[in-house]
Amino acid sequence: MLSYFHTLLLQSAQANINLKDAFLMAGVSDSTYYRAMHGRDLKYLTAYKVVGAIEKLSALQERNTSY
């Protein structure tokens, strides 16, 4: 079973989104990003917020490249 952070890494890579930017857009501090990157697990709610930010950033990226 993948950790929340690993799942977020995969999703952000597929969407071509910087994961740290997604954390910040979700209102999650960069220190939480670095702790998760070094092995601390995330809460479900934190991961859920970041997923939403990845989806928003991806939609913005697609909209900007379609012009």
PDB file of N, CA and C in Angstrom:
ATOM      1  N   MET A   1       0.843  -1.176   0.000  1.00  0.00           N
ATOM      2  CA  MET A   1       0.000   0.000   0.000  1.00  0.00           C
ATOM      3  C   MET A   1       0.890   1.241   0.000  1.00  0.00           C
ATOM      4  N   LEU A   2       0.560   2.193  -0.869  1.00  0.00           N
ATOM      5  CA  LEU A   2       1.351   3.406  -0.980  1.00  0.00           C
ATOM      6  C   LEU A   2       0.976   4.415   0.109  1.00  0.00           C
ATOM      7  N   SER A   3       1.959   5.171   0.549  1.00  0.00           N
ATOM      8  CA  SER A   3       1.676   6.236   1.510  1.00  0.00           C
ATOM      9  C   SER A   3       0.957   7.370   0.789  1.00  0.00           C
ATOM     10  N   TYR A   4       0.335   8.238   1.566  1.00  0.00           N
ATOM     11  CA  TYR A   4      -0.320   9.400   0.966  1.00  0.00           C
ATOM     12  C   TYR A   4       0.684  10.226   0.179  1.00  0.00           C
ATOM     13  N   PHE A   5       1.874  10.420   0.740  1.00  0.00           N
ATOM     14  CA  PHE A   5       2.867  11.258   0.065  1.00  0.00           C
ATOM     15  C   PHE A   5       3.288  10.635  -1.266  1.00  0.00           C
ATOM     16  N   HIS A   6       3.504   9.336  -1.286  1.00  0.00           N
ATOM     17  CA  HIS A   6       3.905   8.670  -2.526  1.00  0.00           C
ATOM     18  C   HIS A   6       2.788   8.780  -3.571  1.00  0.00           C
ATOM     19  N   THR A   7       1.552   8.640  -3.135  1.00  0.00           N
ATOM     20  CA  THR A   7       0.413   8.786  -4.041  1.00  0.00           C
ATOM     21  C   THR A   7       0.362  10.203  -4.611  1.00  0.00           C
ATOM     22  N   LEU A   8       0.618  11.205  -3.763  1.00  0.00           N
ATOM     23  CA  LEU A   8       0.643  12.593  -4.228  1.00  0.00           C
ATOM     24  C   LEU A   8       1.780  12.822  -5.218  1.00  0.00           C
ATOM     25  N   LEU A   9       2.927  12.205  -4.951  1.00  0.00           N
ATOM     26  CA  LEU A   9       4.048  12.316  -5.885  1.00  0.00           C
ATOM     27  C   LEU A   9       3.675  11.780  -7.265  1.00  0.00           C
ATOM     28  N   LEU A  10       3.045  10.621  -7.292  1.00  0.00           N
ATOM     29  CA  LEU A  10       2.647  10.023  -8.559  1.00  0.00           C
ATOM     30  C   LEU A  10       1.619  10.886  -9.288  1.00  0.00           C
ATOM     31  N   GLN A  11       0.636  11.374  -8.542  1.00  0.00           N
ATOM     32  CA  GLN A  11      -0.405  12.185  -9.164  1.00  0.00           C
ATOM     33  C   GLN A  11       0.158  13.505  -9.690  1.00  0.00           C
ATOM     34  N   SER A  12       1.045  14.131  -8.937  1.00  0.00           N
ATOM     35  CA  SER A  12       1.620  15.398  -9.398  1.00  0.00           C
ATOM     36  C   SER A  12       2.531  15.174 -10.608  1.00  0.00           C
ATOM     37  N   ALA A  13       3.233  14.061 -10.641  1.00  0.00           N
ATOM     38  CA  ALA A  13       4.097  13.759 -11.790  1.00  0.00           C
ATOM     39  C   ALA A  13       3.258  13.532 -13.043  1.00  0.00           C
ATOM     40  N   GLN A  14       2.145  12.824 -12.902  1.00  0.00           N
ATOM     41  CA  GLN A  14       1.264  12.582 -14.042  1.00  0.00           C
ATOM     42  C   GLN A  14       0.687  13.891 -14.582  1.00  0.00           C
ATOM     43  N   ALA A  15       0.403  14.835 -13.670  1.00  0.00           N
ATOM     44  CA  ALA A  15      -0.189  16.111 -14.077  1.00  0.00           C
ATOM     45  C   ALA A  15       0.869  17.145 -14.424  1.00  0.00           C
ATOM     46  N   ASN A  16       2.139  16.775 -14.255  1.00  0.00           N
ATOM     47  CA  ASN A  16       3.251  17.694 -14.512  1.00  0.00           C
ATOM     48  C   ASN A  16       3.158  18.951 -13.635  1.00  0.00           C
ATOM     49  N   ILE A  17       2.891  18.733 -12.354  1.00  0.00           N
ATOM     50  CA  ILE A  17       2.730  19.802 -11.372  1.00  0.00           C
ATOM     51  C   ILE A  17       3.814  19.651 -10.307  1.00  0.00           C
ATOM     52  N   ASN A  18       4.389  20.763  -9.900  1.00  0.00           N
ATOM     53  CA  ASN A  18       5.361  20.761  -8.803  1.00  0.00           C
ATOM     54  C   ASN A  18       4.605  20.488  -7.504  1.00  0.00           C
ATOM     55  N   LEU A  19       4.971  19.418  -6.823  1.00  0.00           N
ATOM     56  CA  LEU A  19       4.240  19.009  -5.626  1.00  0.00           C
ATOM     57  C   LEU A  19       4.339  20.056  -4.519  1.00  0.00           C
ATOM     58  N   LYS A  20       5.482  20.682  -4.363  1.00  0.00           N
ATOM     59  CA  LYS A  20       5.616  21.709  -3.328  1.00  0.00           C
ATOM     60  C   LYS A  20       4.661  22.869  -3.609  1.00  0.00           C
ATOM     61  N   ASP A  21       4.515  23.259  -4.870  1.00  0.00           N
ATOM     62  CA  ASP A  21       3.568  24.316  -5.230  1.00  0.00           C
ATOM     63  C   ASP A  21       2.143  23.914  -4.878  1.00  0.00           C
ATOM     64  N   ALA A  22       1.814  22.657  -5.082  1.00  0.00           N
ATOM     65  CA  ALA A  22       0.476  22.168  -4.742  1.00  0.00           C
ATOM     66  C   ALA A  22       0.242  22.233  -3.236  1.00  0.00           C
ATOM     67  N   PHE A  23       1.250  21.884  -2.446  1.00  0.00           N
ATOM     68  CA  PHE A  23       1.133  21.987  -0.992  1.00  0.00           C
ATOM     69  C   PHE A  23       0.847  23.427  -0.597  1.00  0.00           C
ATOM     70  N   LEU A  24       1.601  24.356  -1.165  1.00  0.00           N
ATOM     71  CA  LEU A  24       1.431  25.758  -0.814  1.00  0.00           C
ATOM     72  C   LEU A  24       0.073  26.289  -1.263  1.00  0.00           C
ATOM     73  N   MET A  25      -0.374  25.896  -2.449  1.00  0.00           N
ATOM     74  CA  MET A  25      -1.684  26.333  -2.925  1.00  0.00           C
ATOM     75  C   MET A  25      -2.804  25.778  -2.049  1.00  0.00           C
ATOM     76  N   ALA A  26      -2.599  24.609  -1.500  1.00  0.00           N
ATOM     77  CA  ALA A  26      -3.598  23.987  -0.630  1.00  0.00           C
ATOM     78  C   ALA A  26      -3.609  24.610   0.765  1.00  0.00           C
ATOM     79  N   GLY A  27      -2.672  25.518   1.020  1.00  0.00           N
ATOM     80  CA  GLY A  27      -2.606  26.145   2.337  1.00  0.00           C
ATOM     81  C   GLY A  27      -1.854  25.313   3.356  1.00  0.00           C
ATOM     82  N   VAL A  28      -1.075  24.369   2.868  1.00  0.00           N
ATOM     83  CA  VAL A  28      -0.275  23.504   3.741  1.00  0.00           C
ATOM     84  C   VAL A  28       1.152  24.035   3.729  1.00  0.00           C
ATOM     85  N   SER A  29       1.748  24.145   4.892  1.00  0.00           N
ATOM     86  CA  SER A  29       3.077  24.744   4.987  1.00  0.00           C
ATOM     87  C   SER A  29       4.137  23.900   4.285  1.00  0.00           C
ATOM     88  N   ASP A  30       5.177  24.583   3.841  1.00  0.00           N
ATOM     89  CA  ASP A  30       6.255  23.848   3.175  1.00  0.00           C
ATOM     90  C   ASP A  30       7.004  22.954   4.146  1.00  0.00           C
ATOM     91  N   SER A  31       6.960  23.265   5.439  1.00  0.00           N
ATOM     92  CA  SER A  31       7.613  22.376   6.408  1.00  0.00           C
ATOM     93  C   SER A  31       6.902  21.019   6.455  1.00  0.00           C
ATOM     94  N   THR A  32       5.593  21.006   6.259  1.00  0.00           N
ATOM     95  CA  THR A  32       4.853  19.747   6.196  1.00  0.00           C
ATOM     96  C   THR A  32       5.281  18.956   4.966  1.00  0.00           C
ATOM     97  N   TYR A  33       5.480  19.661   3.860  1.00  0.00           N
ATOM     98  CA  TYR A  33       5.967  19.017   2.634  1.00  0.00           C
ATOM     99  C   TYR A  33       7.319  18.355   2.884  1.00  0.00           C
ATOM    100  N   TYR A  34       8.238  19.090   3.504  1.00  0.00           N
ATOM    101  CA  TYR A  34       9.581  18.540   3.738  1.00  0.00           C
ATOM    102  C   TYR A  34       9.551  17.389   4.742  1.00  0.00           C
ATOM    103  N   ARG A  35       8.714  17.483   5.774  1.00  0.00           N
ATOM    104  CA  ARG A  35       8.600  16.369   6.725  1.00  0.00           C
ATOM    105  C   ARG A  35       8.084  15.120   6.021  1.00  0.00           C
ATOM    106  N   ALA A  36       7.071  15.297   5.171  1.00  0.00           N
ATOM    107  CA  ALA A  36       6.521  14.145   4.440  1.00  0.00           C
ATOM    108  C   ALA A  36       7.553  13.574   3.476  1.00  0.00           C
ATOM    109  N   MET A  37       8.325  14.454   2.858  1.00  0.00           N
ATOM    110  CA  MET A  37       9.344  14.014   1.913  1.00  0.00           C
ATOM    111  C   MET A  37      10.412  13.164   2.621  1.00  0.00           C
ATOM    112  N   HIS A  38      10.619  13.433   3.903  1.00  0.00           N
ATOM    113  CA  HIS A  38      11.638  12.688   4.658  1.00  0.00           C
ATOM    114  C   HIS A  38      11.049  11.570   5.511  1.00  0.00           C
ATOM    115  N   GLY A  39       9.818  11.135   5.165  1.00  0.00           N
ATOM    116  CA  GLY A  39       9.314   9.919   5.785  1.00  0.00           C
ATOM    117  C   GLY A  39       8.159  10.066   6.750  1.00  0.00           C
ATOM    118  N   ARG A  40       7.812  11.272   7.181  1.00  0.00           N
ATOM    119  CA  ARG A  40       6.665  11.424   8.078  1.00  0.00           C
ATOM    120  C   ARG A  40       5.393  11.308   7.254  1.00  0.00           C
ATOM    121  N   ASP A  41       4.420  10.576   7.755  1.00  0.00           N
ATOM    122  CA  ASP A  41       3.194  10.391   6.992  1.00  0.00           C
ATOM    123  C   ASP A  41       2.272  11.595   7.145  1.00  0.00           C
ATOM    124  N   LEU A  42       1.400  11.761   6.178  1.00  0.00           N
ATOM    125  CA  LEU A  42       0.446  12.857   6.164  1.00  0.00           C
ATOM    126  C   LEU A  42      -0.900  12.397   6.688  1.00  0.00           C
ATOM    127  N   LYS A  43      -1.668  13.330   7.198  1.00  0.00           N
ATOM    128  CA  LYS A  43      -3.048  13.045   7.551  1.00  0.00           C
ATOM    129  C   LYS A  43      -3.862  12.966   6.262  1.00  0.00           C
ATOM    130  N   TYR A  44      -4.962  12.246   6.339  1.00  0.00           N
ATOM    131  CA  TYR A  44      -5.839  12.109   5.176  1.00  0.00           C
ATOM    132  C   TYR A  44      -6.317  13.474   4.693  1.00  0.00           C
ATOM    133  N   LEU A  45      -6.742  14.344   5.614  1.00  0.00           N
ATOM    134  CA  LEU A  45      -7.274  15.655   5.240  1.00  0.00           C
ATOM    135  C   LEU A  45      -6.218  16.500   4.532  1.00  0.00           C
ATOM    136  N   THR A  46      -4.983  16.414   4.974  1.00  0.00           N
ATOM    137  CA  THR A  46      -3.899  17.150   4.321  1.00  0.00           C
ATOM    138  C   THR A  46      -3.712  16.640   2.893  1.00  0.00           C
ATOM    139  N   ALA A  47      -3.658  15.335   2.727  1.00  0.00           N
ATOM    140  CA  ALA A  47      -3.500  14.752   1.396  1.00  0.00           C
ATOM    141  C   ALA A  47      -4.678  15.130   0.505  1.00  0.00           C
ATOM    142  N   TYR A  48      -5.876  15.155   1.059  1.00  0.00           N
ATOM    143  CA  TYR A  48      -7.074  15.508   0.307  1.00  0.00           C
ATOM    144  C   TYR A  48      -6.992  16.948  -0.207  1.00  0.00           C
ATOM    145  N   LYS A  49      -6.525  17.856   0.645  1.00  0.00           N
ATOM    146  CA  LYS A  49      -6.366  19.252   0.239  1.00  0.00           C
ATOM    147  C   LYS A  49      -5.349  19.379  -0.896  1.00  0.00           C
ATOM    148  N   VAL A  50      -4.267  18.649  -0.797  1.00  0.00           N
ATOM    149  CA  VAL A  50      -3.215  18.721  -1.816  1.00  0.00           C
ATOM    150  C   VAL A  50      -3.708  18.129  -3.136  1.00  0.00           C
ATOM    151  N   VAL A  51      -4.495  17.068  -3.076  1.00  0.00           N
ATOM    152  CA  VAL A  51      -5.077  16.496  -4.301  1.00  0.00           C
ATOM    153  C   VAL A  51      -5.929  17.547  -5.004  1.00  0.00           C
ATOM    154  N   GLY A  52      -6.728  18.267  -4.240  1.00  0.00           N
ATOM    155  CA  GLY A  52      -7.547  19.322  -4.820  1.00  0.00           C
ATOM    156  C   GLY A  52      -6.700  20.399  -5.482  1.00  0.00           C
ATOM    157  N   ALA A  53      -5.592  20.762  -4.843  1.00  0.00           N
ATOM    158  CA  ALA A  53      -4.697  21.772  -5.407  1.00  0.00           C
ATOM    159  C   ALA A  53      -4.027  21.260  -6.684  1.00  0.00           C
ATOM    160  N   ILE A  54      -3.642  19.990  -6.708  1.00  0.00           N
ATOM    161  CA  ILE A  54      -3.044  19.408  -7.919  1.00  0.00           C
ATOM    162  C   ILE A  54      -4.048  19.476  -9.057  1.00  0.00           C
ATOM    163  N   GLU A  55      -5.295  19.138  -8.782  1.00  0.00           N
ATOM    164  CA  GLU A  55      -6.316  19.172  -9.822  1.00  0.00           C
ATOM    165  C   GLU A  55      -6.547  20.601 -10.331  1.00  0.00           C
ATOM    166  N   LYS A  56      -6.576  21.574  -9.419  1.00  0.00           N
ATOM    167  CA  LYS A  56      -6.755  22.973  -9.833  1.00  0.00           C
ATOM    168  C   LYS A  56      -5.576  23.467 -10.661  1.00  0.00           C
ATOM    169  N   LEU A  57      -4.369  23.182 -10.201  1.00  0.00           N
ATOM    170  CA  LEU A  57      -3.188  23.605 -10.955  1.00  0.00           C
ATOM    171  C   LEU A  57      -3.126  22.938 -12.324  1.00  0.00           C
ATOM    172  N   SER A  58      -3.519  21.686 -12.387  1.00  0.00           N
ATOM    173  CA  SER A  58      -3.522  20.979 -13.660  1.00  0.00           C
ATOM    174  C   SER A  58      -4.531  21.601 -14.617  1.00  0.00           C
ATOM    175  N   ALA A  59      -5.712  21.925 -14.110  1.00  0.00           N
ATOM    176  CA  ALA A  59      -6.735  22.553 -14.949  1.00  0.00           C
ATOM    177  C   ALA A  59      -6.266  23.918 -15.444  1.00  0.00           C
ATOM    178  N   LEU A  60      -5.622  24.688 -14.568  1.00  0.00           N
ATOM    179  CA  LEU A  60      -5.095  25.993 -14.980  1.00  0.00           C
ATOM    180  C   LEU A  60      -4.013  25.832 -16.037  1.00  0.00           C
ATOM    181  N   GLN A  61      -3.171  24.845 -15.834  1.00  0.00           N
ATOM    182  CA  GLN A  61      -2.085  24.596 -16.784  1.00  0.00           C
ATOM    183  C   GLN A  61      -2.650  24.201 -18.157  1.00  0.00           C
ATOM    184  N   GLU A  62      -3.654  23.348 -18.167  1.00  0.00           N
ATOM    185  CA  GLU A  62      -4.271  22.941 -19.422  1.00  0.00           C
ATOM    186  C   GLU A  62      -4.950  24.114 -20.106  1.00  0.00           C
ATOM    187  N   ARG A  63      -5.630  24.946 -19.324  1.00  0.00           N
ATOM    188  CA  ARG A  63      -6.314  26.110 -19.883  1.00  0.00           C
ATOM    189  C   ARG A  63      -5.333  27.088 -20.495  1.00  0.00           C
ATOM    190  N   ASN A  64      -4.201  27.301 -19.815  1.00  0.00           N
ATOM    191  CA  ASN A  64      -3.200  28.246 -20.307  1.00  0.00           C
ATOM    192  C   ASN A  64      -2.480  27.733 -21.543  1.00  0.00           C
ATOM    193  N   THR A  65      -2.310  26.428 -21.678  1.00  0.00           N
ATOM    194  CA  THR A  65      -1.604  25.895 -22.837  1.00  0.00           C
ATOM    195  C   THR A  65      -2.531  25.698 -24.032  1.00  0.00           C
ATOM    196  N   SER A  66      -3.837  25.791 -23.815  1.00  0.00           N
ATOM    197  CA  SER A  66      -4.761  25.584 -24.929  1.00  0.00           C
ATOM    198  C   SER A  66      -4.957  26.844 -25.770  1.00  0.00           C
ATOM    199  N   TYR A  67      -4.440  27.966 -25.322  1.00  0.00           N
ATOM    200  CA  TYR A  67      -4.582  29.224 -26.093  1.00  0.00           C
ATOM    201  C   TYR A  67      -3.529  29.375 -27.131  1.00  0.00           C
TER     202      TYR A  67
END
